Protein backbone atom coordinates (compact mmCIF):
# COMPACT_ATOMS: atom_id res chain seq x y z
CA MET A 1 24.63 -221.43 34.26
CA VAL A 2 25.48 -220.96 37.91
CA VAL A 3 25.05 -223.64 40.54
CA CYS A 4 25.21 -222.74 44.22
CA LEU A 5 25.12 -225.34 46.95
CA PHE A 6 24.79 -224.42 50.59
CA SER A 7 24.94 -226.65 53.57
CA ALA A 8 24.97 -226.09 57.29
CA CYS A 9 25.24 -228.00 60.50
CA ILE A 10 24.03 -226.40 63.71
CA ARG A 11 24.83 -228.57 66.71
CA GLU A 12 26.81 -228.19 69.87
CA ASP A 13 28.79 -231.33 69.03
CA LEU A 14 30.11 -231.00 65.45
CA SER A 15 31.17 -234.66 65.20
CA HIS A 16 28.03 -235.48 63.17
CA CYS A 17 28.52 -232.61 60.76
CA PRO A 18 29.76 -233.30 57.24
CA VAL A 19 33.43 -233.00 56.34
CA TYR A 20 33.90 -230.64 53.43
CA THR A 21 36.07 -231.93 50.64
CA THR A 22 37.98 -229.57 48.39
CA GLU A 23 39.22 -230.82 45.04
CA PHE A 24 42.32 -229.62 43.21
CA SER A 25 42.60 -230.60 39.56
CA PHE A 26 45.87 -230.42 37.66
CA ALA A 27 46.22 -229.46 34.01
CA TYR A 28 48.87 -227.82 31.83
CA TYR A 29 48.16 -226.64 28.31
CA GLY A 30 51.39 -224.86 27.41
CA ASP A 31 50.66 -222.91 24.24
CA GLY A 32 48.02 -225.30 22.89
CA ASP A 33 44.58 -226.71 23.57
CA THR A 34 45.70 -230.17 24.73
CA ASP A 35 46.38 -231.03 28.38
CA ILE A 36 50.07 -232.03 28.49
CA PHE A 37 50.41 -232.02 32.28
CA HIS A 38 51.55 -235.65 32.59
CA ASP A 39 54.03 -235.25 29.72
CA LYS A 40 55.75 -232.22 31.28
CA ILE A 41 55.20 -232.39 35.06
CA HIS A 42 56.64 -235.34 36.98
CA ASN A 43 56.30 -234.11 40.56
CA THR A 44 54.99 -231.14 42.45
CA ASP A 45 54.39 -229.91 45.96
CA LEU A 46 51.15 -228.28 47.06
CA PHE A 47 51.45 -225.86 49.97
CA LEU A 48 48.30 -224.96 51.89
CA PHE A 49 48.01 -221.72 53.87
CA ASP A 50 45.14 -220.26 55.88
CA ALA A 51 43.52 -216.91 55.09
CA GLU A 52 46.20 -215.05 57.07
CA GLY A 53 49.01 -216.75 55.16
CA LEU A 54 50.02 -219.15 57.94
CA PHE A 55 51.39 -222.46 56.66
CA LEU A 56 49.06 -225.41 57.29
CA GLU A 57 50.24 -228.39 55.26
CA ARG A 58 52.49 -229.58 52.45
CA TYR A 59 51.44 -232.34 50.04
CA ARG A 60 54.16 -233.97 47.91
CA LEU A 61 52.79 -235.42 44.69
CA ASP A 62 55.33 -237.65 42.98
CA ASP A 63 55.37 -239.12 39.48
CA SER A 64 53.58 -242.34 40.44
CA TRP A 65 50.75 -240.45 42.16
CA LEU A 66 50.41 -237.95 39.31
CA SER A 67 50.31 -240.69 36.67
CA GLU A 68 47.31 -242.30 38.41
CA ASN A 69 45.43 -239.19 39.54
CA LYS A 70 44.32 -235.85 38.14
CA THR A 71 42.49 -234.64 41.23
CA LEU A 72 43.65 -234.21 44.83
CA ARG A 73 40.80 -234.33 47.37
CA LEU A 74 41.41 -232.74 50.76
CA PRO A 75 38.96 -232.77 53.68
CA LEU A 76 39.02 -229.06 54.49
CA PRO A 77 36.50 -227.28 56.67
CA ALA A 78 34.75 -224.31 55.12
CA GLY A 79 36.98 -221.26 55.05
CA ASP A 80 39.44 -219.21 53.03
CA TYR A 81 42.74 -220.75 51.97
CA GLN A 82 45.73 -219.91 49.81
CA VAL A 83 47.35 -222.63 47.71
CA VAL A 84 50.74 -222.63 46.02
CA THR A 85 51.93 -225.49 43.84
């Protein structure tokens, strides 16, 4: 099953256009079938780069954030990005 969603906003002033949200979910399975991310990972940094590899932003996710969240939502405009975590 494939789901494709398309959306567009054609206006001179883009302030009324929707903000795109990109979600990053974190999981670690090691050698098994069970997600052990929160048992093994206590902090991480997510580095965001544009399509040309230019650094855009760094997000530090510490133990308290990771213990409460599994998904990081970022308001990113449509485009190509590279992510390293």
